[in-house]
Amino acid sequence: LRERFGGPFLLNSGFGRVTELPEARHIVEDDLADAVVVGRELIANPDLVRRWEEGLELNTPDQPTFYLGGERGYTDYAFVG
């Protein structure tokens, strides 16, 4: 699929579970994709790159608030202090 597409290829490892840093690294380092989609983790951690780089604790996604509209569950997650 990647070869046929010809453009930047993004991959999500699954709908039922969260893609964690080791798997994301594996996907990119093994050239399975150009980037990894990490939607739930990014929603819950607006500073996800920093948290992953520094090995900091992650916020837990509040999935019952997904897709409701409004701020709750999208813009109310804390940044690392």
Protein backbone atom coordinates (compact mmCIF):
# COMPACT_ATOMS: atom_id res chain seq x y z
CA LEU A 1 0.00 0.00 0.00
CA ARG A 2 2.76 2.42 0.93
CA GLU A 3 4.61 1.92 -2.35
CA ARG A 4 1.43 2.35 -4.38
CA PHE A 5 0.46 5.55 -2.56
CA GLY A 6 3.73 7.37 -3.19
CA GLY A 7 3.20 10.15 -0.64
CA PRO A 8 3.89 10.48 3.08
CA PHE A 9 2.45 7.40 4.77
CA LEU A 10 0.93 7.64 8.26
CA LEU A 11 0.01 4.58 10.27
CA ASN A 12 -2.22 3.88 13.26
CA SER A 13 -1.52 0.57 14.96
CA GLY A 14 -5.11 -0.14 15.90
CA PHE A 15 -8.48 1.19 16.86
CA GLY A 16 -8.92 -0.83 20.05
CA ARG A 17 -5.75 0.15 21.86
CA VAL A 18 -3.51 3.14 22.37
CA THR A 19 -0.24 3.34 20.41
CA GLU A 20 2.54 3.80 22.95
CA LEU A 21 6.02 5.27 22.38
CA PRO A 22 7.95 1.99 21.86
CA GLU A 23 5.54 0.86 19.17
CA ALA A 24 5.52 4.30 17.51
CA ARG A 25 9.32 4.28 17.40
CA HIS A 26 9.35 0.76 15.96
CA ILE A 27 6.94 1.73 13.18
CA VAL A 28 9.05 4.71 12.08
CA GLU A 29 12.51 3.20 12.69
CA ASP A 30 11.61 0.04 10.76
CA ASP A 31 10.36 2.24 7.91
CA LEU A 32 6.82 0.89 8.08
CA ALA A 33 5.51 4.47 7.94
CA ASP A 34 6.74 8.06 7.82
CA ALA A 35 4.78 9.00 10.94
CA VAL A 36 2.46 7.43 13.49
CA VAL A 37 -1.04 8.65 14.31
CA VAL A 38 -1.55 8.86 18.08
CA GLY A 39 -4.93 10.58 18.40
CA ARG A 40 -6.12 9.66 21.89
CA GLU A 41 -2.71 10.18 23.45
CA LEU A 42 -2.31 13.54 21.72
CA ILE A 43 -5.77 14.74 22.75
CA ALA A 44 -5.03 13.89 26.40
CA ASN A 45 -1.48 15.23 26.29
CA PRO A 46 -1.18 18.49 24.34
CA ASP A 47 2.56 18.33 25.07
CA LEU A 48 2.91 14.66 24.11
CA VAL A 49 6.24 15.07 22.30
CA ARG A 50 7.81 16.66 25.37
CA ARG A 51 6.37 13.99 27.67
CA TRP A 52 7.71 11.21 25.44
CA GLU A 53 11.13 12.86 25.04
CA GLU A 54 11.51 13.44 28.78
CA GLY A 55 9.88 10.20 29.95
CA LEU A 56 7.16 12.10 31.82
CA GLU A 57 3.87 10.67 33.03
CA LEU A 58 0.95 10.87 30.59
CA ASN A 59 -2.54 12.17 31.25
CA THR A 60 -5.24 9.52 30.90
CA PRO A 61 -7.67 10.13 28.03
CA ASP A 62 -11.24 10.75 29.21
CA GLN A 63 -12.90 8.76 26.44
CA PRO A 64 -16.53 9.32 27.54
CA THR A 65 -16.00 13.01 26.66
CA PHE A 66 -14.78 12.31 23.11
CA TYR A 67 -17.06 13.45 20.27
CA LEU A 68 -19.36 15.51 22.50
CA GLY A 69 -18.32 18.94 21.28
CA GLY A 70 -17.23 21.76 23.54
CA GLU A 71 -14.06 22.10 25.59
CA ARG A 72 -14.39 19.18 27.99
CA GLY A 73 -12.24 16.31 26.84
CA TYR A 74 -10.39 18.31 24.18
CA THR A 75 -8.94 21.52 25.55
CA ASP A 76 -8.98 20.95 29.30
CA TYR A 77 -6.02 18.58 29.69
CA ALA A 78 -3.08 19.90 31.70
CA PHE A 79 0.34 20.63 30.25
CA VAL A 80 3.44 19.55 32.21
CA GLY A 81 4.30 22.34 34.64
